[in-house]
Amino acid sequence: MDDKFLIHVEIAGKSYGVRIEREDEQIIRKAVVRIRNKIAQYRNIYSDVDVKDLLAMVAFHLSVENLQLEQKNDTSPFTEKIQELTKQLESFLKDSKY
């Protein structure tokens, strides 16, 4: 059974129909609020800028924010160190009498 349903979201004065999974509705609506808030922030700073430019600035800002979060959540250095320590421990245990 397809659990997708249609919601309408409004961004920059335009309504968009979006098919989403039911469990994603809350996060989708939060994303729309975040976009609206960013548009309002940029509109206050750049009052004479076209909506398309505001949307481009919001997209850029949110993309940078997303990349920074991805970088923060990069666990590969820790994973590599754990693997190195595991090999050392296994080697020690192999060579010891225990």
N, C-alpha and C. Protein backbone atom coordinates (compact mmCIF):
# COMPACT_ATOMS: atom_id res chain seq x y z
N MET A 1 0.82 -1.18 0.00
CA MET A 1 0.00 0.00 0.00
C MET A 1 0.87 1.25 0.00
N ASP A 2 0.57 2.20 -0.86
CA ASP A 2 1.31 3.44 -0.96
C ASP A 2 0.83 4.38 0.14
N ASP A 3 1.73 4.76 1.04
CA ASP A 3 1.37 5.61 2.16
C ASP A 3 1.65 7.08 1.85
N LYS A 4 1.84 7.42 0.58
CA LYS A 4 2.11 8.80 0.21
C LYS A 4 0.80 9.57 0.07
N PHE A 5 0.87 10.84 0.40
CA PHE A 5 -0.30 11.69 0.21
C PHE A 5 0.16 13.07 -0.21
N LEU A 6 -0.76 13.83 -0.71
CA LEU A 6 -0.47 15.14 -1.28
C LEU A 6 -0.70 16.23 -0.24
N ILE A 7 0.32 17.08 -0.07
CA ILE A 7 0.14 18.27 0.75
C ILE A 7 0.49 19.47 -0.12
N HIS A 8 0.01 20.60 0.27
CA HIS A 8 0.33 21.83 -0.44
C HIS A 8 1.17 22.70 0.49
N VAL A 9 2.31 23.14 -0.01
CA VAL A 9 3.18 24.03 0.75
C VAL A 9 3.32 25.34 -0.01
N GLU A 10 3.41 26.42 0.74
CA GLU A 10 3.56 27.72 0.11
C GLU A 10 4.94 28.27 0.41
N ILE A 11 5.64 28.60 -0.66
CA ILE A 11 6.99 29.18 -0.55
C ILE A 11 7.04 30.40 -1.46
N ALA A 12 7.41 31.52 -0.89
CA ALA A 12 7.56 32.77 -1.63
C ALA A 12 6.28 33.13 -2.40
N GLY A 13 5.14 32.91 -1.75
CA GLY A 13 3.88 33.29 -2.35
C GLY A 13 3.33 32.35 -3.40
N LYS A 14 3.98 31.23 -3.59
CA LYS A 14 3.51 30.27 -4.59
C LYS A 14 3.24 28.93 -3.90
N SER A 15 2.13 28.28 -4.29
CA SER A 15 1.74 27.01 -3.70
C SER A 15 2.28 25.86 -4.55
N TYR A 16 2.79 24.85 -3.86
CA TYR A 16 3.33 23.67 -4.53
C TYR A 16 2.68 22.42 -3.94
N GLY A 17 2.24 21.53 -4.80
CA GLY A 17 1.74 20.24 -4.36
C GLY A 17 2.91 19.27 -4.28
N VAL A 18 3.02 18.61 -3.14
CA VAL A 18 4.14 17.69 -2.92
C VAL A 18 3.59 16.38 -2.38
N ARG A 19 3.99 15.27 -3.00
CA ARG A 19 3.62 13.94 -2.50
C ARG A 19 4.70 13.50 -1.52
N ILE A 20 4.26 13.16 -0.31
CA ILE A 20 5.21 12.80 0.73
C ILE A 20 4.74 11.55 1.47
N GLU A 21 5.65 10.94 2.18
CA GLU A 21 5.32 9.85 3.10
C GLU A 21 4.67 10.48 4.33
N ARG A 22 3.71 9.80 4.89
CA ARG A 22 3.00 10.34 6.06
C ARG A 22 3.97 10.67 7.20
N GLU A 23 4.94 9.83 7.42
CA GLU A 23 5.86 10.06 8.54
C GLU A 23 6.78 11.26 8.31
N ASP A 24 6.85 11.77 7.09
CA ASP A 24 7.70 12.92 6.78
C ASP A 24 6.98 14.26 6.86
N GLU A 25 5.69 14.25 7.13
CA GLU A 25 4.92 15.49 7.07
C GLU A 25 5.45 16.56 8.02
N GLN A 26 5.74 16.19 9.24
CA GLN A 26 6.19 17.18 10.22
C GLN A 26 7.51 17.83 9.78
N ILE A 27 8.44 17.04 9.31
CA ILE A 27 9.73 17.60 8.91
C ILE A 27 9.59 18.45 7.65
N ILE A 28 8.71 18.06 6.74
CA ILE A 28 8.46 18.84 5.53
C ILE A 28 7.90 20.20 5.91
N ARG A 29 6.94 20.22 6.81
CA ARG A 29 6.34 21.48 7.23
C ARG A 29 7.34 22.37 7.97
N LYS A 30 8.22 21.76 8.77
CA LYS A 30 9.27 22.52 9.45
C LYS A 30 10.24 23.12 8.43
N ALA A 31 10.54 22.37 7.38
CA ALA A 31 11.44 22.87 6.34
C ALA A 31 10.83 24.08 5.64
N VAL A 32 9.54 24.02 5.38
CA VAL A 32 8.85 25.15 4.75
C VAL A 32 8.92 26.39 5.65
N VAL A 33 8.70 26.20 6.94
CA VAL A 33 8.79 27.32 7.89
C VAL A 33 10.20 27.89 7.89
N ARG A 34 11.20 27.02 7.87
CA ARG A 34 12.59 27.48 7.85
C ARG A 34 12.89 28.30 6.60
N ILE A 35 12.40 27.84 5.47
CA ILE A 35 12.60 28.57 4.21
C ILE A 35 11.91 29.93 4.27
N ARG A 36 10.68 29.94 4.74
CA ARG A 36 9.94 31.21 4.87
C ARG A 36 10.67 32.20 5.78
N ASN A 37 11.17 31.71 6.91
CA ASN A 37 11.89 32.57 7.85
C ASN A 37 13.15 33.15 7.22
N LYS A 38 13.87 32.31 6.49
CA LYS A 38 15.10 32.79 5.82
C LYS A 38 14.77 33.82 4.76
N ILE A 39 13.72 33.58 4.01
CA ILE A 39 13.30 34.56 2.99
C ILE A 39 12.99 35.89 3.68
N ALA A 40 12.27 35.84 4.80
CA ALA A 40 11.92 37.06 5.53
C ALA A 40 13.18 37.77 6.03
N GLN A 41 14.14 37.01 6.52
CA GLN A 41 15.40 37.61 6.99
C GLN A 41 16.12 38.33 5.85
N TYR A 42 16.25 37.64 4.72
CA TYR A 42 16.93 38.26 3.58
C TYR A 42 16.12 39.43 3.01
N ARG A 43 14.81 39.33 3.04
CA ARG A 43 13.97 40.42 2.54
C ARG A 43 14.16 41.68 3.39
N ASN A 44 14.35 41.49 4.70
CA ASN A 44 14.60 42.64 5.58
C ASN A 44 15.95 43.29 5.29
N ILE A 45 16.93 42.50 4.91
CA ILE A 45 18.25 43.03 4.60
C ILE A 45 18.29 43.63 3.19
N TYR A 46 17.73 42.91 2.25
CA TYR A 46 17.76 43.31 0.83
C TYR A 46 16.33 43.54 0.35
N SER A 47 15.75 44.66 0.69
CA SER A 47 14.33 44.91 0.38
C SER A 47 14.05 45.09 -1.10
N ASP A 48 15.06 45.45 -1.88
CA ASP A 48 14.85 45.71 -3.30
C ASP A 48 15.21 44.52 -4.20
N VAL A 49 15.45 43.37 -3.61
CA VAL A 49 15.88 42.19 -4.35
C VAL A 49 14.67 41.37 -4.80
N ASP A 50 14.75 40.83 -6.00
CA ASP A 50 13.70 39.99 -6.58
C ASP A 50 13.55 38.69 -5.78
N VAL A 51 12.34 38.12 -5.78
CA VAL A 51 12.06 36.87 -5.05
C VAL A 51 12.98 35.75 -5.51
N LYS A 52 13.27 35.67 -6.80
CA LYS A 52 14.16 34.62 -7.30
C LYS A 52 15.54 34.74 -6.67
N ASP A 53 16.01 35.98 -6.52
CA ASP A 53 17.30 36.18 -5.88
C ASP A 53 17.26 35.81 -4.40
N LEU A 54 16.15 36.14 -3.74
CA LEU A 54 16.00 35.75 -2.34
C LEU A 54 16.02 34.23 -2.20
N LEU A 55 15.32 33.55 -3.10
CA LEU A 55 15.30 32.09 -3.05
C LEU A 55 16.69 31.51 -3.31
N ALA A 56 17.44 32.13 -4.22
CA ALA A 56 18.80 31.67 -4.49
C ALA A 56 19.67 31.85 -3.26
N MET A 57 19.53 32.97 -2.58
CA MET A 57 20.31 33.23 -1.37
C MET A 57 19.95 32.26 -0.26
N VAL A 58 18.66 31.96 -0.13
CA VAL A 58 18.21 31.00 0.88
C VAL A 58 18.76 29.61 0.55
N ALA A 59 18.69 29.21 -0.71
CA ALA A 59 19.21 27.90 -1.12
C ALA A 59 20.70 27.81 -0.82
N PHE A 60 21.43 28.88 -1.11
CA PHE A 60 22.86 28.90 -0.83
C PHE A 60 23.12 28.78 0.66
N HIS A 61 22.42 29.57 1.45
CA HIS A 61 22.60 29.55 2.90
C HIS A 61 22.31 28.15 3.48
N LEU A 62 21.18 27.57 3.10
CA LEU A 62 20.82 26.26 3.63
C LEU A 62 21.76 25.16 3.16
N SER A 63 22.30 25.30 1.95
CA SER A 63 23.27 24.31 1.45
C SER A 63 24.56 24.38 2.24
N VAL A 64 25.03 25.59 2.52
CA VAL A 64 26.25 25.75 3.33
C VAL A 64 26.02 25.17 4.72
N GLU A 65 24.87 25.49 5.31
CA GLU A 65 24.52 24.97 6.63
C GLU A 65 24.51 23.44 6.62
N ASN A 66 23.94 22.85 5.58
CA ASN A 66 23.87 21.39 5.45
C ASN A 66 25.27 20.79 5.35
N LEU A 67 26.12 21.39 4.53
CA LEU A 67 27.48 20.88 4.38
C LEU A 67 28.27 20.98 5.68
N GLN A 68 28.06 22.06 6.42
CA GLN A 68 28.74 22.21 7.72
C GLN A 68 28.29 21.12 8.68
N LEU A 69 27.01 20.80 8.67
CA LEU A 69 26.51 19.73 9.54
C LEU A 69 27.05 18.37 9.13
N GLU A 70 27.13 18.14 7.81
CA GLU A 70 27.71 16.88 7.33
C GLU A 70 29.16 16.75 7.79
N GLN A 71 29.88 17.84 7.70
CA GLN A 71 31.29 17.83 8.10
C GLN A 71 31.42 17.56 9.60
N LYS A 72 30.53 18.15 10.39
CA LYS A 72 30.53 17.92 11.84
C LYS A 72 30.25 16.46 12.17
N ASN A 73 29.39 15.82 11.38
CA ASN A 73 28.98 14.46 11.66
C ASN A 73 29.86 13.42 10.99
N ASP A 74 30.96 13.84 10.40
CA ASP A 74 31.86 12.90 9.74
C ASP A 74 32.61 12.10 10.80
N THR A 75 32.30 10.84 10.90
CA THR A 75 32.92 9.99 11.92
C THR A 75 34.08 9.17 11.38
N SER A 76 34.46 9.37 10.12
CA SER A 76 35.51 8.54 9.53
C SER A 76 36.85 8.64 10.28
N PRO A 77 37.29 9.81 10.77
CA PRO A 77 38.55 9.81 11.53
C PRO A 77 38.48 8.94 12.78
N PHE A 78 37.32 8.93 13.45
CA PHE A 78 37.16 8.11 14.65
C PHE A 78 37.11 6.63 14.29
N THR A 79 36.42 6.32 13.19
CA THR A 79 36.33 4.94 12.75
C THR A 79 37.71 4.40 12.41
N GLU A 80 38.51 5.19 11.71
CA GLU A 80 39.86 4.77 11.34
C GLU A 80 40.71 4.54 12.59
N LYS A 81 40.62 5.42 13.57
CA LYS A 81 41.40 5.27 14.81
C LYS A 81 40.95 4.03 15.57
N ILE A 82 39.66 3.78 15.63
CA ILE A 82 39.14 2.59 16.32
C ILE A 82 39.64 1.33 15.64
N GLN A 83 39.65 1.32 14.30
CA GLN A 83 40.15 0.15 13.57
C GLN A 83 41.64 -0.06 13.85
N GLU A 84 42.39 1.01 13.89
CA GLU A 84 43.83 0.92 14.19
C GLU A 84 44.05 0.36 15.59
N LEU A 85 43.32 0.87 16.58
CA LEU A 85 43.45 0.39 17.95
C LEU A 85 42.99 -1.06 18.09
N THR A 86 41.96 -1.44 17.35
CA THR A 86 41.48 -2.83 17.37
C THR A 86 42.55 -3.77 16.85
N LYS A 87 43.23 -3.39 15.76
CA LYS A 87 44.30 -4.22 15.22
C LYS A 87 45.44 -4.35 16.21
N GLN A 88 45.79 -3.25 16.88
CA GLN A 88 46.86 -3.31 17.88
C GLN A 88 46.47 -4.21 19.03
N LEU A 89 45.24 -4.10 19.47
CA LEU A 89 44.76 -4.93 20.58
C LEU A 89 44.75 -6.41 20.18
N GLU A 90 44.26 -6.70 18.97
CA GLU A 90 44.24 -8.08 18.49
C GLU A 90 45.66 -8.63 18.38
N SER A 91 46.57 -7.83 17.92
CA SER A 91 47.97 -8.25 17.81
C SER A 91 48.55 -8.52 19.19
N PHE A 92 48.26 -7.66 20.14
CA PHE A 92 48.75 -7.84 21.50
C PHE A 92 48.19 -9.11 22.10
N LEU A 93 46.90 -9.34 21.92
CA LEU A 93 46.27 -10.53 22.48
C LEU A 93 46.79 -11.80 21.83
N LYS A 94 47.07 -11.71 20.55
CA LYS A 94 47.58 -12.87 19.81
C LYS A 94 48.99 -13.24 20.32
N ASP A 95 49.80 -12.23 20.60
CA ASP A 95 51.18 -12.45 21.02
C ASP A 95 51.31 -12.72 22.51
N SER A 96 50.31 -12.43 23.29
CA SER A 96 50.42 -12.62 24.73
C SER A 96 50.04 -14.06 25.10
N LYS A 97 50.28 -14.42 26.30
CA LYS A 97 50.00 -15.76 26.77
C LYS A 97 48.53 -15.93 27.16
N TYR A 98 47.78 -14.89 27.24
CA TYR A 98 46.40 -14.94 27.71
C TYR A 98 45.48 -15.38 26.68
